[in-house]
Every structure is written in C-alpha cells, then in structure tokens.
Amino acid sequence: MTSPVLALRRAILDRALEDGELLSLMGGTLRLYDEPPRAAAPIYALFGDVTAKDWSTDTDRGHDQVLSIVVWGERGSARDALAAAERFSDILDDARIPLEGHRLVTLRATELTAVRDRDTQQTRATLRLRALTEVA
C-alpha cells in the first residue's frame, strides 16, 4: 500500500505541474522539492512538516493529514513568495485530485503565513493544508 503522505505529495506535484500561472511565478518551471537544493536561488518551494493521524471508521481506514508547503522568495521581497504560496492555495484548496491507493475526501488551505529570515532577509511564506484521505 502506498503511504498516504507520499500519495498526496505526488498528487500535489502533478497538479502544480499543470498550472501555467504557478510555473510562471516560479520562473518557468516547478521548483517544489523535498529538501532545499544546494545553492538554489529563490523562488522555490519545499514540502514542509507533515502529520498524518488515524482517521479510520468501523468500515474504512483513513488519515487526517496536516502538511505545509514553504515558499522561499527573493531577498528583500515578500511579494514573490506570497504570490506563489497564494497560487498553491488557489489550485489546491478544495481540489479534486486523484491519489494512488487512496481517495481524497477533502483538501483545504487552512493558513498562510510569511516571515522574513533574519540571516538571509529572504521571505518565507508557509501554506498549511489539511487533507482527509481514505485507503482505496
């Protein structure tokens, strides 16, 4: 059985790859990674923290996932990071995307925050999502 976390990440990647506006905001290509690439220049995004809790019923096995996508923007500019994070929110909030080995019950954007890194002066916008999935 495929991990519900990995299945959702794959579906998010697939959905993001289909969105021309998001690709344009990220410089023409999807730059969404599991780990920050060495010496990568912004704008790029990372899969952030994730928690998957049991959400099973008597008849179905499921998971309640809380996950984040963290977008790093250009030094001194919050606009790029926020625009990309908001676009992720637009394409994912209440989206109906297929998951391998699972069924997506709901996917909601729950929070968007932005902070400036004190060392690099880069803006970090964090989009938090909540997904309920059932094992197919």
N, C-alpha and C. Protein backbone atom coordinates (compact mmCIF):
# COMPACT_ATOMS: atom_id res chain seq x y z
N MET A 1 0.84 -1.17 0.00
CA MET A 1 0.00 0.00 0.00
C MET A 1 0.89 1.24 0.00
N THR A 2 0.52 2.22 -0.79
CA THR A 2 1.24 3.48 -0.87
C THR A 2 0.97 4.32 0.37
N SER A 3 1.99 4.98 0.87
CA SER A 3 1.85 5.89 2.01
C SER A 3 0.87 7.00 1.65
N PRO A 4 -0.05 7.35 2.56
CA PRO A 4 -0.97 8.45 2.25
C PRO A 4 -0.24 9.78 2.10
N VAL A 5 0.84 9.97 2.84
CA VAL A 5 1.62 11.20 2.74
C VAL A 5 2.29 11.30 1.38
N LEU A 6 2.93 10.22 0.96
CA LEU A 6 3.61 10.24 -0.35
C LEU A 6 2.62 10.32 -1.50
N ALA A 7 1.47 9.67 -1.35
CA ALA A 7 0.44 9.74 -2.40
C ALA A 7 -0.06 11.17 -2.56
N LEU A 8 -0.27 11.87 -1.45
CA LEU A 8 -0.73 13.25 -1.52
C LEU A 8 0.35 14.16 -2.10
N ARG A 9 1.59 13.97 -1.69
CA ARG A 9 2.68 14.77 -2.26
C ARG A 9 2.77 14.60 -3.78
N ARG A 10 2.67 13.37 -4.24
CA ARG A 10 2.73 13.10 -5.69
C ARG A 10 1.58 13.81 -6.41
N ALA A 11 0.38 13.75 -5.83
CA ALA A 11 -0.77 14.40 -6.44
C ALA A 11 -0.61 15.92 -6.47
N ILE A 12 -0.04 16.49 -5.40
CA ILE A 12 0.22 17.93 -5.37
C ILE A 12 1.22 18.31 -6.46
N LEU A 13 2.28 17.53 -6.59
CA LEU A 13 3.26 17.79 -7.66
C LEU A 13 2.60 17.74 -9.03
N ASP A 14 1.79 16.71 -9.26
CA ASP A 14 1.12 16.57 -10.56
C ASP A 14 0.20 17.75 -10.84
N ARG A 15 -0.56 18.17 -9.83
CA ARG A 15 -1.48 19.30 -10.01
C ARG A 15 -0.70 20.59 -10.26
N ALA A 16 0.37 20.81 -9.53
CA ALA A 16 1.17 22.02 -9.70
C ALA A 16 1.81 22.09 -11.08
N LEU A 17 2.24 20.94 -11.60
CA LEU A 17 2.86 20.90 -12.93
C LEU A 17 1.89 21.30 -14.04
N GLU A 18 0.61 21.18 -13.78
CA GLU A 18 -0.42 21.51 -14.77
C GLU A 18 -0.77 22.99 -14.80
N ASP A 19 -0.30 23.77 -13.83
CA ASP A 19 -0.74 25.14 -13.68
C ASP A 19 0.29 26.13 -14.24
N GLY A 20 -0.02 26.68 -15.40
CA GLY A 20 0.88 27.60 -16.06
C GLY A 20 1.17 28.85 -15.26
N GLU A 21 0.18 29.36 -14.54
CA GLU A 21 0.39 30.57 -13.75
C GLU A 21 1.40 30.32 -12.62
N LEU A 22 1.28 29.18 -11.94
CA LEU A 22 2.23 28.85 -10.89
C LEU A 22 3.63 28.67 -11.47
N LEU A 23 3.72 27.97 -12.59
CA LEU A 23 5.03 27.78 -13.23
C LEU A 23 5.66 29.12 -13.57
N SER A 24 4.87 30.04 -14.07
CA SER A 24 5.37 31.37 -14.41
C SER A 24 5.87 32.10 -13.17
N LEU A 25 5.12 32.01 -12.07
CA LEU A 25 5.54 32.66 -10.82
C LEU A 25 6.86 32.10 -10.29
N MET A 26 7.14 30.84 -10.65
CA MET A 26 8.36 30.19 -10.16
C MET A 26 9.49 30.24 -11.19
N GLY A 27 9.36 31.10 -12.18
CA GLY A 27 10.43 31.28 -13.14
C GLY A 27 10.35 30.36 -14.35
N GLY A 28 9.18 29.77 -14.60
CA GLY A 28 9.00 28.97 -15.80
C GLY A 28 9.03 27.46 -15.58
N THR A 29 9.39 27.03 -14.39
CA THR A 29 9.44 25.60 -14.09
C THR A 29 9.01 25.38 -12.64
N LEU A 30 8.45 24.21 -12.37
CA LEU A 30 8.06 23.92 -11.00
C LEU A 30 9.30 23.64 -10.18
N ARG A 31 9.46 24.40 -9.12
CA ARG A 31 10.60 24.24 -8.23
C ARG A 31 10.08 23.90 -6.84
N LEU A 32 9.51 22.71 -6.72
CA LEU A 32 8.95 22.20 -5.46
C LEU A 32 9.74 20.95 -5.09
N TYR A 33 10.41 20.99 -3.95
CA TYR A 33 11.35 19.94 -3.56
C TYR A 33 11.04 19.38 -2.17
N ASP A 34 11.63 18.21 -1.89
CA ASP A 34 11.58 17.64 -0.56
C ASP A 34 12.62 18.29 0.36
N GLU A 35 13.76 18.60 -0.20
CA GLU A 35 14.87 19.24 0.52
C GLU A 35 15.36 20.42 -0.30
N PRO A 36 15.88 21.46 0.34
CA PRO A 36 16.37 22.60 -0.44
C PRO A 36 17.57 22.20 -1.29
N PRO A 37 17.52 22.51 -2.56
CA PRO A 37 18.67 22.21 -3.42
C PRO A 37 19.87 23.07 -3.02
N ARG A 38 21.03 22.50 -3.12
CA ARG A 38 22.25 23.22 -2.76
C ARG A 38 22.40 24.45 -3.67
N ALA A 39 22.57 25.59 -3.02
CA ALA A 39 22.81 26.87 -3.69
C ALA A 39 21.66 27.29 -4.61
N ALA A 40 20.45 26.84 -4.32
CA ALA A 40 19.30 27.22 -5.14
C ALA A 40 18.94 28.68 -4.89
N ALA A 41 18.69 29.38 -5.96
CA ALA A 41 18.24 30.77 -5.85
C ALA A 41 16.71 30.78 -5.79
N PRO A 42 16.14 31.64 -4.98
CA PRO A 42 14.69 31.73 -4.93
C PRO A 42 14.14 32.20 -6.27
N ILE A 43 13.06 31.84 -6.67
CA ILE A 43 11.95 31.40 -5.86
C ILE A 43 11.83 29.87 -5.99
N TYR A 44 11.67 29.22 -4.85
CA TYR A 44 11.45 27.79 -4.86
C TYR A 44 10.59 27.43 -3.65
N ALA A 45 10.07 26.20 -3.67
CA ALA A 45 9.19 25.75 -2.58
C ALA A 45 9.66 24.39 -2.09
N LEU A 46 9.34 24.13 -0.84
CA LEU A 46 9.66 22.85 -0.21
C LEU A 46 8.41 22.26 0.42
N PHE A 47 8.32 20.93 0.40
CA PHE A 47 7.33 20.29 1.24
C PHE A 47 7.83 20.43 2.66
N GLY A 48 7.02 21.02 3.51
CA GLY A 48 7.41 21.23 4.89
C GLY A 48 6.94 20.10 5.79
N ASP A 49 6.70 20.45 7.03
CA ASP A 49 6.28 19.47 8.02
C ASP A 49 4.95 18.83 7.64
N VAL A 50 4.80 17.58 8.05
CA VAL A 50 3.54 16.86 7.81
C VAL A 50 3.24 15.98 9.01
N THR A 51 1.97 15.88 9.33
CA THR A 51 1.49 14.97 10.36
C THR A 51 0.33 14.20 9.78
N ALA A 52 0.36 12.89 9.90
CA ALA A 52 -0.75 12.05 9.45
C ALA A 52 -1.26 11.25 10.64
N LYS A 53 -2.52 11.48 10.99
CA LYS A 53 -3.13 10.78 12.12
C LYS A 53 -4.22 9.84 11.61
N ASP A 54 -4.46 8.82 12.39
CA ASP A 54 -5.51 7.87 12.04
C ASP A 54 -6.86 8.58 12.02
N TRP A 55 -7.63 8.31 10.97
CA TRP A 55 -8.96 8.89 10.80
C TRP A 55 -9.91 7.78 10.37
N SER A 56 -9.67 6.60 10.88
CA SER A 56 -10.44 5.42 10.46
C SER A 56 -11.81 5.38 11.12
N THR A 57 -12.71 4.69 10.43
CA THR A 57 -14.04 4.41 10.98
C THR A 57 -14.14 2.90 11.16
N ASP A 58 -15.31 2.44 11.54
CA ASP A 58 -15.51 1.00 11.69
C ASP A 58 -15.35 0.26 10.37
N THR A 59 -15.63 0.94 9.26
CA THR A 59 -15.62 0.26 7.97
C THR A 59 -14.50 0.70 7.02
N ASP A 60 -13.92 1.86 7.25
CA ASP A 60 -12.91 2.38 6.33
C ASP A 60 -11.68 2.86 7.09
N ARG A 61 -10.52 2.65 6.47
CA ARG A 61 -9.27 3.13 7.04
C ARG A 61 -8.94 4.47 6.39
N GLY A 62 -8.56 5.46 7.21
CA GLY A 62 -8.28 6.78 6.66
C GLY A 62 -7.25 7.53 7.47
N HIS A 63 -6.88 8.70 6.94
CA HIS A 63 -5.86 9.54 7.58
C HIS A 63 -6.26 11.00 7.51
N ASP A 64 -5.94 11.72 8.57
CA ASP A 64 -6.11 13.16 8.65
C ASP A 64 -4.70 13.73 8.58
N GLN A 65 -4.41 14.42 7.48
CA GLN A 65 -3.06 14.95 7.27
C GLN A 65 -3.05 16.47 7.39
N VAL A 66 -2.06 16.97 8.08
CA VAL A 66 -1.78 18.41 8.11
C VAL A 66 -0.38 18.56 7.53
N LEU A 67 -0.28 19.34 6.48
CA LEU A 67 1.01 19.48 5.80
C LEU A 67 1.24 20.93 5.41
N SER A 68 2.47 21.23 5.05
CA SER A 68 2.78 22.59 4.64
C SER A 68 3.65 22.59 3.39
N ILE A 69 3.49 23.68 2.66
CA ILE A 69 4.36 23.99 1.53
C ILE A 69 5.00 25.33 1.87
N VAL A 70 6.33 25.36 1.87
CA VAL A 70 7.08 26.55 2.25
C VAL A 70 7.72 27.14 0.99
N VAL A 71 7.40 28.38 0.71
CA VAL A 71 7.92 29.07 -0.48
C VAL A 71 8.95 30.10 -0.05
N TRP A 72 10.14 30.00 -0.64
CA TRP A 72 11.22 30.96 -0.37
C TRP A 72 11.25 31.99 -1.49
N GLY A 73 11.20 33.26 -1.11
CA GLY A 73 11.20 34.34 -2.09
C GLY A 73 12.53 35.04 -2.19
N GLU A 74 12.58 35.98 -3.11
CA GLU A 74 13.78 36.77 -3.33
C GLU A 74 14.12 37.59 -2.08
N ARG A 75 15.37 37.85 -1.91
CA ARG A 75 15.83 38.67 -0.78
C ARG A 75 15.19 40.06 -0.85
N GLY A 76 14.60 40.47 0.26
CA GLY A 76 14.02 41.79 0.35
C GLY A 76 12.64 41.94 -0.27
N SER A 77 12.05 40.86 -0.77
CA SER A 77 10.74 40.96 -1.41
C SER A 77 9.82 39.84 -0.95
N ALA A 78 8.76 40.22 -0.29
CA ALA A 78 7.76 39.23 0.14
C ALA A 78 6.78 38.92 -0.97
N ARG A 79 6.67 39.79 -1.93
CA ARG A 79 5.64 39.66 -2.98
C ARG A 79 5.72 38.35 -3.73
N ASP A 80 6.92 37.95 -4.19
CA ASP A 80 7.06 36.73 -4.98
C ASP A 80 6.67 35.49 -4.20
N ALA A 81 7.15 35.41 -2.96
CA ALA A 81 6.85 34.24 -2.13
C ALA A 81 5.36 34.16 -1.83
N LEU A 82 4.77 35.29 -1.50
CA LEU A 82 3.33 35.30 -1.20
C LEU A 82 2.50 34.98 -2.43
N ALA A 83 2.89 35.51 -3.57
CA ALA A 83 2.13 35.24 -4.80
C ALA A 83 2.16 33.74 -5.14
N ALA A 84 3.32 33.13 -5.02
CA ALA A 84 3.42 31.69 -5.31
C ALA A 84 2.66 30.87 -4.29
N ALA A 85 2.77 31.22 -3.00
CA ALA A 85 2.05 30.48 -1.96
C ALA A 85 0.54 30.62 -2.15
N GLU A 86 0.09 31.81 -2.51
CA GLU A 86 -1.34 32.02 -2.76
C GLU A 86 -1.81 31.23 -3.98
N ARG A 87 -0.94 31.10 -4.97
CA ARG A 87 -1.32 30.31 -6.15
C ARG A 87 -1.42 28.83 -5.79
N PHE A 88 -0.47 28.33 -4.98
CA PHE A 88 -0.59 26.97 -4.48
C PHE A 88 -1.95 26.80 -3.78
N SER A 89 -2.31 27.77 -2.96
CA SER A 89 -3.59 27.71 -2.26
C SER A 89 -4.75 27.67 -3.24
N ASP A 90 -4.72 28.52 -4.26
CA ASP A 90 -5.79 28.57 -5.25
C ASP A 90 -5.99 27.24 -5.96
N ILE A 91 -4.90 26.57 -6.32
CA ILE A 91 -5.03 25.34 -7.10
C ILE A 91 -5.27 24.10 -6.24
N LEU A 92 -5.00 24.21 -4.93
CA LEU A 92 -5.15 23.04 -4.07
C LEU A 92 -6.37 23.08 -3.17
N ASP A 93 -6.82 24.27 -2.77
CA ASP A 93 -7.96 24.37 -1.85
C ASP A 93 -9.21 23.78 -2.50
N ASP A 94 -9.77 22.78 -1.85
CA ASP A 94 -10.97 22.09 -2.30
C ASP A 94 -10.78 21.38 -3.65
N ALA A 95 -9.52 21.07 -3.98
CA ALA A 95 -9.23 20.39 -5.25
C ALA A 95 -9.67 18.93 -5.21
N ARG A 96 -10.04 18.43 -6.33
CA ARG A 96 -10.38 17.01 -6.50
C ARG A 96 -9.25 16.39 -7.32
N ILE A 97 -8.24 15.89 -6.62
CA ILE A 97 -7.09 15.31 -7.30
C ILE A 97 -6.98 13.83 -6.95
N PRO A 98 -6.64 13.01 -7.92
CA PRO A 98 -6.53 11.57 -7.65
C PRO A 98 -5.27 11.22 -6.87
N LEU A 99 -5.40 10.27 -5.96
CA LEU A 99 -4.27 9.78 -5.17
C LEU A 99 -4.08 8.30 -5.45
N GLU A 100 -2.85 7.88 -5.61
CA GLU A 100 -2.57 6.47 -5.82
C GLU A 100 -2.80 5.68 -4.52
N GLY A 101 -3.73 4.73 -4.58
CA GLY A 101 -4.01 3.87 -3.43
C GLY A 101 -4.89 4.48 -2.36
N HIS A 102 -5.35 5.72 -2.59
CA HIS A 102 -6.16 6.42 -1.60
C HIS A 102 -7.22 7.25 -2.31
N ARG A 103 -8.22 7.67 -1.55
CA ARG A 103 -9.24 8.56 -2.07
C ARG A 103 -9.21 9.83 -1.25
N LEU A 104 -9.13 10.97 -1.93
CA LEU A 104 -9.12 12.26 -1.26
C LEU A 104 -10.55 12.65 -0.91
N VAL A 105 -10.83 12.78 0.37
CA VAL A 105 -12.15 13.20 0.83
C VAL A 105 -12.25 14.71 0.77
N THR A 106 -11.24 15.40 1.30
CA THR A 106 -11.22 16.85 1.26
C THR A 106 -9.78 17.35 1.37
N LEU A 107 -9.53 18.48 0.75
CA LEU A 107 -8.23 19.16 0.84
C LEU A 107 -8.53 20.64 1.00
N ARG A 108 -8.07 21.21 2.11
CA ARG A 108 -8.35 22.62 2.40
C ARG A 108 -7.08 23.37 2.76
N ALA A 109 -6.97 24.59 2.26
CA ALA A 109 -5.92 25.51 2.71
C ALA A 109 -6.42 26.12 4.01
N THR A 110 -5.62 26.02 5.07
CA THR A 110 -6.07 26.47 6.38
C THR A 110 -5.34 27.70 6.90
N GLU A 111 -4.15 27.98 6.36
CA GLU A 111 -3.38 29.11 6.89
C GLU A 111 -2.28 29.50 5.92
N LEU A 112 -2.02 30.78 5.84
CA LEU A 112 -0.89 31.30 5.07
C LEU A 112 -0.17 32.31 5.96
N THR A 113 1.13 32.08 6.17
CA THR A 113 1.93 33.00 6.97
C THR A 113 3.18 33.37 6.18
N ALA A 114 3.75 34.51 6.52
CA ALA A 114 5.01 34.94 5.89
C ALA A 114 5.90 35.56 6.95
N VAL A 115 7.17 35.19 6.90
CA VAL A 115 8.17 35.76 7.80
C VAL A 115 9.44 36.03 6.99
N ARG A 116 10.23 36.98 7.47
CA ARG A 116 11.50 37.29 6.83
C ARG A 116 12.61 36.65 7.65
N ASP A 117 13.45 35.88 6.99
CA ASP A 117 14.58 35.24 7.65
C ASP A 117 15.59 36.32 8.06
N ARG A 118 15.96 36.32 9.32
CA ARG A 118 16.86 37.36 9.83
C ARG A 118 18.24 37.31 9.21
N ASP A 119 18.72 36.12 8.90
CA ASP A 119 20.08 35.98 8.35
C ASP A 119 20.15 36.33 6.87
N THR A 120 19.22 35.82 6.08
CA THR A 120 19.29 35.98 4.62
C THR A 120 18.42 37.11 4.09
N GLN A 121 17.48 37.59 4.92
CA GLN A 121 16.49 38.59 4.50
C GLN A 121 15.54 38.07 3.41
N GLN A 122 15.51 36.77 3.22
CA GLN A 122 14.55 36.18 2.28
C GLN A 122 13.23 35.96 2.99
N THR A 123 12.15 36.14 2.24
CA THR A 123 10.82 35.89 2.79
C THR A 123 10.48 34.43 2.63
N ARG A 124 9.90 33.89 3.68
CA ARG A 124 9.44 32.50 3.68
C ARG A 124 7.93 32.52 3.91
N ALA A 125 7.16 32.13 2.89
CA ALA A 125 5.71 32.05 3.00
C ALA A 125 5.33 30.58 3.19
N THR A 126 4.54 30.30 4.22
CA THR A 126 4.16 28.94 4.53
C THR A 126 2.66 28.77 4.37
N LEU A 127 2.29 27.84 3.50
CA LEU A 127 0.89 27.48 3.28
C LEU A 127 0.62 26.18 4.02
N ARG A 128 -0.37 26.20 4.90
CA ARG A 128 -0.75 24.98 5.61
C ARG A 128 -2.02 24.43 4.99
N LEU A 129 -2.01 23.11 4.83
CA LEU A 129 -3.13 22.40 4.22
C LEU A 129 -3.60 21.29 5.15
N ARG A 130 -4.86 20.94 5.04
CA ARG A 130 -5.40 19.78 5.76
C ARG A 130 -6.12 18.90 4.76
N ALA A 131 -5.78 17.63 4.80
CA ALA A 131 -6.38 16.65 3.88
C ALA A 131 -6.94 15.47 4.66
N LEU A 132 -8.09 15.02 4.27
CA LEU A 132 -8.66 13.78 4.79
C LEU A 132 -8.65 12.78 3.65
N THR A 133 -8.06 11.63 3.90
CA THR A 133 -7.96 10.59 2.86
C THR A 133 -8.45 9.27 3.41
N GLU A 134 -8.92 8.42 2.50
CA GLU A 134 -9.31 7.06 2.83
C GLU A 134 -8.50 6.11 1.97
N VAL A 135 -8.19 4.95 2.51
CA VAL A 135 -7.49 3.92 1.75
C VAL A 135 -8.45 3.39 0.70
N ALA A 136 -8.00 3.31 -0.53
CA ALA A 136 -8.86 2.84 -1.63
C ALA A 136 -9.03 1.33 -1.57
